[in-house]
PDB file of N, CA and C in Angstrom:
ATOM      1  N   MET A   1      16.739 -62.638   3.192  1.00  0.00           N
ATOM      2  CA  MET A   1      16.749 -61.213   3.447  1.00  0.00           C
ATOM      3  C   MET A   1      17.619 -60.485   2.413  1.00  0.00           C
ATOM      4  N   ARG A   2      18.716 -61.112   2.040  1.00  0.00           N
ATOM      5  CA  ARG A   2      19.613 -60.504   1.079  1.00  0.00           C
ATOM      6  C   ARG A   2      18.930 -60.348  -0.272  1.00  0.00           C
ATOM      7  N   TYR A   3      18.162 -61.345  -0.682  1.00  0.00           N
ATOM      8  CA  TYR A   3      17.458 -61.285  -1.959  1.00  0.00           C
ATOM      9  C   TYR A   3      16.383 -60.207  -1.954  1.00  0.00           C
ATOM     10  N   PHE A   4      15.735 -60.055  -0.825  1.00  0.00           N
ATOM     11  CA  PHE A   4      14.710 -59.012  -0.711  1.00  0.00           C
ATOM     12  C   PHE A   4      15.316 -57.625  -0.932  1.00  0.00           C
ATOM     13  N   VAL A   5      16.467 -57.361  -0.338  1.00  0.00           N
ATOM     14  CA  VAL A   5      17.133 -56.065  -0.499  1.00  0.00           C
ATOM     15  C   VAL A   5      17.535 -55.857  -1.951  1.00  0.00           C
ATOM     16  N   ILE A   6      18.057 -56.867  -2.590  1.00  0.00           N
ATOM     17  CA  ILE A   6      18.470 -56.750  -3.995  1.00  0.00           C
ATOM     18  C   ILE A   6      17.266 -56.484  -4.886  1.00  0.00           C
ATOM     19  N   VAL A   7      16.182 -57.222  -4.677  1.00  0.00           N
ATOM     20  CA  VAL A   7      14.972 -57.022  -5.479  1.00  0.00           C
ATOM     21  C   VAL A   7      14.389 -55.638  -5.221  1.00  0.00           C
ATOM     22  N   ALA A   8      14.403 -55.199  -3.976  1.00  0.00           N
ATOM     23  CA  ALA A   8      13.880 -53.870  -3.637  1.00  0.00           C
ATOM     24  C   ALA A   8      14.698 -52.779  -4.319  1.00  0.00           C
ATOM     25  N   LEU A   9      16.009 -52.919  -4.362  1.00  0.00           N
ATOM     26  CA  LEU A   9      16.857 -51.938  -5.034  1.00  0.00           C
ATOM     27  C   LEU A   9      16.605 -51.914  -6.539  1.00  0.00           C
ATOM     28  N   ILE A  10      16.435 -53.071  -7.130  1.00  0.00           N
ATOM     29  CA  ILE A  10      16.167 -53.130  -8.571  1.00  0.00           C
ATOM     30  C   ILE A  10      14.822 -52.486  -8.889  1.00  0.00           C
ATOM     31  N   VAL A  11      13.799 -52.817  -8.105  1.00  0.00           N
ATOM     32  CA  VAL A  11      12.465 -52.236  -8.337  1.00  0.00           C
ATOM     33  C   VAL A  11      12.506 -50.726  -8.119  1.00  0.00           C
ATOM     34  N   GLY A  12      13.193 -50.283  -7.083  1.00  0.00           N
ATOM     35  CA  GLY A  12      13.324 -48.847  -6.833  1.00  0.00           C
ATOM     36  C   GLY A  12      14.039 -48.138  -7.972  1.00  0.00           C
ATOM     37  N   GLY A  13      15.078 -48.759  -8.511  1.00  0.00           N
ATOM     38  CA  GLY A  13      15.794 -48.159  -9.633  1.00  0.00           C
ATOM     39  C   GLY A  13      14.940 -48.063 -10.878  1.00  0.00           C
ATOM     40  N   VAL A  14      14.163 -49.102 -11.145  1.00  0.00           N
ATOM     41  CA  VAL A  14      13.279 -49.081 -12.318  1.00  0.00           C
ATOM     42  C   VAL A  14      12.227 -47.987 -12.167  1.00  0.00           C
ATOM     43  N   ILE A  15      11.656 -47.870 -10.989  1.00  0.00           N
ATOM     44  CA  ILE A  15      10.646 -46.819 -10.760  1.00  0.00           C
ATOM     45  C   ILE A  15      11.269 -45.444 -10.918  1.00  0.00           C
ATOM     46  N   PHE A  16      12.458 -45.260 -10.379  1.00  0.00           N
ATOM     47  CA  PHE A  16      13.144 -43.973 -10.487  1.00  0.00           C
ATOM     48  C   PHE A  16      13.422 -43.608 -11.946  1.00  0.00           C
ATOM     49  N   LEU A  17      13.961 -44.548 -12.705  1.00  0.00           N
ATOM     50  CA  LEU A  17      14.252 -44.278 -14.116  1.00  0.00           C
ATOM     51  C   LEU A  17      12.994 -43.998 -14.913  1.00  0.00           C
ATOM     52  N   ARG A  18      11.923 -44.684 -14.600  1.00  0.00           N
ATOM     53  CA  ARG A  18      10.666 -44.463 -15.305  1.00  0.00           C
ATOM     54  C   ARG A  18      10.109 -43.071 -15.028  1.00  0.00           C
ATOM     55  N   GLN A  19      10.220 -42.612 -13.792  1.00  0.00           N
ATOM     56  CA  GLN A  19       9.757 -41.267 -13.456  1.00  0.00           C
ATOM     57  C   GLN A  19      10.603 -40.214 -14.165  1.00  0.00           C
ATOM     58  N   GLN A  20      11.892 -40.436 -14.241  1.00  0.00           N
ATOM     59  CA  GLN A  20      12.766 -39.480 -14.903  1.00  0.00           C
ATOM     60  C   GLN A  20      12.443 -39.354 -16.387  1.00  0.00           C
ATOM     61  N   THR A  21      12.218 -40.465 -17.060  1.00  0.00           N
ATOM     62  CA  THR A  21      11.896 -40.404 -18.484  1.00  0.00           C
ATOM     63  C   THR A  21      10.526 -39.779 -18.710  1.00  0.00           C
ATOM     64  N   THR A  22       9.588 -40.019 -17.803  1.00  0.00           N
ATOM     65  CA  THR A  22       8.261 -39.407 -17.922  1.00  0.00           C
ATOM     66  C   THR A  22       8.350 -37.900 -17.759  1.00  0.00           C
ATOM     67  N   GLN A  23       9.132 -37.432 -16.803  1.00  0.00           N
ATOM     68  CA  GLN A  23       9.277 -35.995 -16.590  1.00  0.00           C
ATOM     69  C   GLN A  23       9.953 -35.323 -17.782  1.00  0.00           C
ATOM     70  N   LYS A  24      10.932 -35.970 -18.365  1.00  0.00           N
ATOM     71  CA  LYS A  24      11.606 -35.400 -19.534  1.00  0.00           C
ATOM     72  C   LYS A  24      10.671 -35.330 -20.729  1.00  0.00           C
ATOM     73  N   ALA A  25       9.780 -36.295 -20.857  1.00  0.00           N
ATOM     74  CA  ALA A  25       8.837 -36.297 -21.974  1.00  0.00           C
ATOM     75  C   ALA A  25       7.755 -35.248 -21.780  1.00  0.00           C
ATOM     76  N   GLU A  26       7.369 -34.959 -20.557  1.00  0.00           N
ATOM     77  CA  GLU A  26       6.304 -33.993 -20.294  1.00  0.00           C
ATOM     78  C   GLU A  26       6.798 -32.560 -20.317  1.00  0.00           C
ATOM     79  N   ALA A  27       8.069 -32.313 -20.133  1.00  0.00           N
ATOM     80  CA  ALA A  27       8.608 -30.958 -20.058  1.00  0.00           C
ATOM     81  C   ALA A  27       8.332 -30.145 -21.329  1.00  0.00           C
ATOM     82  N   PRO A  28       8.580 -30.641 -22.552  1.00  0.00           N
ATOM     83  CA  PRO A  28       8.285 -29.839 -23.736  1.00  0.00           C
ATOM     84  C   PRO A  28       6.787 -29.586 -23.913  1.00  0.00           C
ATOM     85  N   LYS A  29       5.950 -30.518 -23.500  1.00  0.00           N
ATOM     86  CA  LYS A  29       4.506 -30.324 -23.636  1.00  0.00           C
ATOM     87  C   LYS A  29       4.031 -29.176 -22.774  1.00  0.00           C
ATOM     88  N   LYS A  30       4.562 -29.059 -21.566  1.00  0.00           N
ATOM     89  CA  LYS A  30       4.143 -27.995 -20.667  1.00  0.00           C
ATOM     90  C   LYS A  30       4.554 -26.636 -21.206  1.00  0.00           C
ATOM     91  N   THR A  31       5.740 -26.499 -21.750  1.00  0.00           N
ATOM     92  CA  THR A  31       6.177 -25.206 -22.263  1.00  0.00           C
ATOM     93  C   THR A  31       5.358 -24.810 -23.485  1.00  0.00           C
ATOM     94  N   ALA A  32       4.950 -25.773 -24.291  1.00  0.00           N
ATOM     95  CA  ALA A  32       4.131 -25.454 -25.451  1.00  0.00           C
ATOM     96  C   ALA A  32       2.751 -24.981 -25.017  1.00  0.00           C
ATOM     97  N   GLN A  33       2.188 -25.565 -23.990  1.00  0.00           N
ATOM     98  CA  GLN A  33       0.881 -25.140 -23.505  1.00  0.00           C
ATOM     99  C   GLN A  33       0.963 -23.749 -22.893  1.00  0.00           C
ATOM    100  N   VAL A  34       2.016 -23.454 -22.166  1.00  0.00           N
ATOM    101  CA  VAL A  34       2.161 -22.143 -21.546  1.00  0.00           C
ATOM    102  C   VAL A  34       2.343 -21.078 -22.617  1.00  0.00           C
ATOM    103  N   ALA A  35       3.085 -21.372 -23.665  1.00  0.00           N
ATOM    104  CA  ALA A  35       3.322 -20.401 -24.720  1.00  0.00           C
ATOM    105  C   ALA A  35       2.046 -20.123 -25.517  1.00  0.00           C
ATOM    106  N   ALA A  36       1.133 -21.065 -25.574  1.00  0.00           N
ATOM    107  CA  ALA A  36      -0.076 -20.885 -26.349  1.00  0.00           C
ATOM    108  C   ALA A  36      -1.090 -19.998 -25.631  1.00  0.00           C
ATOM    109  N   GLN A  37      -0.995 -19.871 -24.317  1.00  0.00           N
ATOM    110  CA  GLN A  37      -1.957 -19.073 -23.569  1.00  0.00           C
ATOM    111  C   GLN A  37      -1.591 -17.597 -23.663  1.00  0.00           C
ATOM    112  N   PRO A  38      -2.592 -16.722 -23.776  1.00  0.00           N
ATOM    113  CA  PRO A  38      -2.297 -15.292 -23.771  1.00  0.00           C
ATOM    114  C   PRO A  38      -1.778 -14.854 -22.400  1.00  0.00           C
ATOM    115  N   THR A  39      -0.938 -13.846 -22.388  1.00  0.00           N
ATOM    116  CA  THR A  39      -0.318 -13.424 -21.138  1.00  0.00           C
ATOM    117  C   THR A  39      -1.222 -12.523 -20.306  1.00  0.00           C
ATOM    118  N   LEU A  40      -2.283 -11.997 -20.885  1.00  0.00           N
ATOM    119  CA  LEU A  40      -3.134 -11.070 -20.156  1.00  0.00           C
ATOM    120  C   LEU A  40      -4.229 -11.755 -19.344  1.00  0.00           C
ATOM    121  N   THR A  41      -4.388 -13.041 -19.482  1.00  0.00           N
ATOM    122  CA  THR A  41      -5.415 -13.726 -18.704  1.00  0.00           C
ATOM    123  C   THR A  41      -4.940 -13.900 -17.269  1.00  0.00           C
ATOM    124  N   PRO A  42      -5.823 -13.702 -16.315  1.00  0.00           N
ATOM    125  CA  PRO A  42      -5.391 -13.855 -14.921  1.00  0.00           C
ATOM    126  C   PRO A  42      -5.136 -15.308 -14.583  1.00  0.00           C
ATOM    127  N   ARG A  43      -4.082 -15.543 -13.861  1.00  0.00           N
ATOM    128  CA  ARG A  43      -3.770 -16.912 -13.455  1.00  0.00           C
ATOM    129  C   ARG A  43      -4.407 -17.183 -12.097  1.00  0.00           C
ATOM    130  N   PRO A  44      -4.737 -18.418 -11.814  1.00  0.00           N
ATOM    131  CA  PRO A  44      -5.345 -18.726 -10.515  1.00  0.00           C
ATOM    132  C   PRO A  44      -4.361 -18.464  -9.385  1.00  0.00           C
ATOM    133  N   ALA A  45      -4.880 -17.923  -8.293  1.00  0.00           N
ATOM    134  CA  ALA A  45      -4.021 -17.591  -7.161  1.00  0.00           C
ATOM    135  C   ALA A  45      -3.660 -18.846  -6.385  1.00  0.00           C
ATOM    136  N   SER A  46      -2.386 -19.024  -6.173  1.00  0.00           N
ATOM    137  CA  SER A  46      -1.920 -20.145  -5.381  1.00  0.00           C
ATOM    138  C   SER A  46      -2.041 -19.779  -3.910  1.00  0.00           C
ATOM    139  N   GLU A  47      -2.226 -20.769  -3.067  1.00  0.00           N
ATOM    140  CA  GLU A  47      -2.316 -20.471  -1.647  1.00  0.00           C
ATOM    141  C   GLU A  47      -1.004 -19.924  -1.113  1.00  0.00           C
ATOM    142  N   HIS A  48       0.100 -20.197  -1.824  1.00  0.00           N
ATOM    143  CA  HIS A  48       1.392 -19.696  -1.396  1.00  0.00           C
ATOM    144  C   HIS A  48       1.689 -18.318  -1.984  1.00  0.00           C
ATOM    145  N   ASP A  49       0.973 -17.919  -3.015  1.00  0.00           N
ATOM    146  CA  ASP A  49       1.199 -16.634  -3.667  1.00  0.00           C
ATOM    147  C   ASP A  49       0.051 -15.662  -3.434  1.00  0.00           C
ATOM    148  N   TRP A  50      -0.592 -15.735  -2.283  1.00  0.00           N
ATOM    149  CA  TRP A  50      -1.746 -14.872  -2.050  1.00  0.00           C
ATOM    150  C   TRP A  50      -1.347 -13.407  -2.019  1.00  0.00           C
ATOM    151  N   ALA A  51      -0.161 -13.080  -1.531  1.00  0.00           N
ATOM    152  CA  ALA A  51       0.274 -11.682  -1.494  1.00  0.00           C
ATOM    153  C   ALA A  51       0.520 -11.169  -2.906  1.00  0.00           C
ATOM    154  N   LYS A  52       1.144 -11.978  -3.741  1.00  0.00           N
ATOM    155  CA  LYS A  52       1.390 -11.569  -5.126  1.00  0.00           C
ATOM    156  C   LYS A  52       0.075 -11.398  -5.872  1.00  0.00           C
ATOM    157  N   ALA A  53      -0.882 -12.278  -5.619  1.00  0.00           N
ATOM    158  CA  ALA A  53      -2.182 -12.160  -6.275  1.00  0.00           C
ATOM    159  C   ALA A  53      -2.870 -10.862  -5.871  1.00  0.00           C
ATOM    160  N   ALA A  54      -2.745 -10.475  -4.621  1.00  0.00           N
ATOM    161  CA  ALA A  54      -3.345  -9.226  -4.162  1.00  0.00           C
ATOM    162  C   ALA A  54      -2.682  -8.024  -4.832  1.00  0.00           C
ATOM    163  N   ILE A  55      -1.371  -8.066  -4.960  1.00  0.00           N
ATOM    164  CA  ILE A  55      -0.652  -6.962  -5.615  1.00  0.00           C
ATOM    165  C   ILE A  55      -1.022  -6.899  -7.094  1.00  0.00           C
ATOM    166  N   ASP A  56      -1.114  -8.041  -7.749  1.00  0.00           N
ATOM    167  CA  ASP A  56      -1.511  -8.072  -9.157  1.00  0.00           C
ATOM    168  C   ASP A  56      -2.903  -7.497  -9.335  1.00  0.00           C
ATOM    169  N   ARG A  57      -3.824  -7.859  -8.457  1.00  0.00           N
ATOM    170  CA  ARG A  57      -5.193  -7.349  -8.554  1.00  0.00           C
ATOM    171  C   ARG A  57      -5.222  -5.836  -8.337  1.00  0.00           C
ATOM    172  N   THR A  58      -4.410  -5.346  -7.387  1.00  0.00           N
ATOM    173  CA  THR A  58      -4.341  -3.905  -7.130  1.00  0.00           C
ATOM    174  C   THR A  58      -3.844  -3.169  -8.366  1.00  0.00           C
ATOM    175  N   ASN A  59      -2.806  -3.695  -8.998  1.00  0.00           N
ATOM    176  CA  ASN A  59      -2.287  -3.052 -10.216  1.00  0.00           C
ATOM    177  C   ASN A  59      -3.312  -3.086 -11.334  1.00  0.00           C
ATOM    178  N   GLU A  60      -4.050  -4.176 -11.429  1.00  0.00           N
ATOM    179  CA  GLU A  60      -5.088  -4.282 -12.456  1.00  0.00           C
ATOM    180  C   GLU A  60      -6.173  -3.217 -12.253  1.00  0.00           C
ATOM    181  N   VAL A  61      -6.599  -3.021 -11.021  1.00  0.00           N
ATOM    182  CA  VAL A  61      -7.628  -2.020 -10.725  1.00  0.00           C
ATOM    183  C   VAL A  61      -7.095  -0.617 -10.998  1.00  0.00           C
ATOM    184  N   ARG A  62      -5.832  -0.376 -10.634  1.00  0.00           N
ATOM    185  CA  ARG A  62      -5.244   0.948 -10.894  1.00  0.00           C
ATOM    186  C   ARG A  62      -5.215   1.253 -12.391  1.00  0.00           C
ATOM    187  N   GLN A  63      -4.842   0.260 -13.194  1.00  0.00           N
ATOM    188  CA  GLN A  63      -4.809   0.470 -14.644  1.00  0.00           C
ATOM    189  C   GLN A  63      -6.210   0.691 -15.200  1.00  0.00           C
ATOM    190  N   GLN A  64      -7.193  -0.006 -14.658  1.00  0.00           N
ATOM    191  CA  GLN A  64      -8.568   0.157 -15.117  1.00  0.00           C
ATOM    192  C   GLN A  64      -9.068   1.565 -14.796  1.00  0.00           C
ATOM    193  N   VAL A  65      -8.785   2.046 -13.601  1.00  0.00           N
ATOM    194  CA  VAL A  65      -9.189   3.401 -13.218  1.00  0.00           C
ATOM    195  C   VAL A  65      -8.497   4.431 -14.101  1.00  0.00           C
ATOM    196  N   LYS A  66      -7.232   4.214 -14.386  1.00  0.00           N
ATOM    197  CA  LYS A  66      -6.477   5.135 -15.237  1.00  0.00           C
ATOM    198  C   LYS A  66      -7.089   5.209 -16.634  1.00  0.00           C
ATOM    199  N   ARG A  67      -7.477   4.043 -17.182  1.00  0.00           N
ATOM    200  CA  ARG A  67      -8.113   4.034 -18.509  1.00  0.00           C
ATOM    201  C   ARG A  67      -9.466   4.728 -18.484  1.00  0.00           C
ATOM    202  N   GLU A  68     -10.249   4.502 -17.429  1.00  0.00           N
ATOM    203  CA  GLU A  68     -11.564   5.153 -17.335  1.00  0.00           C
ATOM    204  C   GLU A  68     -11.424   6.661 -17.223  1.00  0.00           C
ATOM    205  N   ARG A  69     -10.460   7.122 -16.441  1.00  0.00           N
ATOM    206  CA  ARG A  69     -10.248   8.568 -16.311  1.00  0.00           C
ATOM    207  C   ARG A  69      -9.798   9.169 -17.633  1.00  0.00           C
ATOM    208  N   ALA A  70      -8.944   8.464 -18.353  1.00  0.00           N
ATOM    209  CA  ALA A  70      -8.479   8.969 -19.649  1.00  0.00           C
ATOM    210  C   ALA A  70      -9.636   9.037 -20.632  1.00  0.00           C
ATOM    211  N   SER A  71     -10.525   8.031 -20.614  1.00  0.00           N
ATOM    212  CA  SER A  71     -11.661   8.062 -21.536  1.00  0.00           C
ATOM    213  C   SER A  71     -12.664   9.146 -21.133  1.00  0.00           C
ATOM    214  N   ASN A  72     -12.790   9.431 -19.850  1.00  0.00           N
ATOM    215  CA  ASN A  72     -13.671  10.519 -19.400  1.00  0.00           C
ATOM    216  C   ASN A  72     -13.147  11.867 -19.844  1.00  0.00           C
ATOM    217  N   GLU A  73     -11.848  12.073 -19.839  1.00  0.00           N
ATOM    218  CA  GLU A  73     -11.264  13.331 -20.281  1.00  0.00           C
ATOM    219  C   GLU A  73     -11.456  13.521 -21.781  1.00  0.00           C
ATOM    220  N   VAL A  74     -11.414  12.446 -22.534  1.00  0.00           N
ATOM    221  CA  VAL A  74     -11.590  12.525 -23.974  1.00  0.00           C
ATOM    222  C   VAL A  74     -13.039  12.907 -24.293  1.00  0.00           C
ATOM    223  N   LEU A  75     -13.994  12.377 -23.542  1.00  0.00           N
ATOM    224  CA  LEU A  75     -15.403  12.636 -23.790  1.00  0.00           C
ATOM    225  C   LEU A  75     -15.820  14.055 -23.405  1.00  0.00           C
ATOM    226  N   ASP A  76     -15.138  14.686 -22.465  1.00  0.00           N
ATOM    227  CA  ASP A  76     -15.522  16.034 -22.020  1.00  0.00           C
ATOM    228  C   ASP A  76     -15.155  17.095 -22.985  1.00  0.00           C
TER     229      ASP A  76
END
């Protein structure tokens, strides 16, 4: 039983260290991908951010209406 606990701790430590090094290696890749994307593209709505997505969509529609009204005034 004692050997099982020791082996389990060693295996757990190796798995933990491997996950940590993987996360550190992936962190710069994620920031580079985010920086490459344009900021004006809509992001997918998360199930936890449904209220924010609704507010973002409302602001987008308001800006679109404002631009259409401004272009209508220019044409008249």
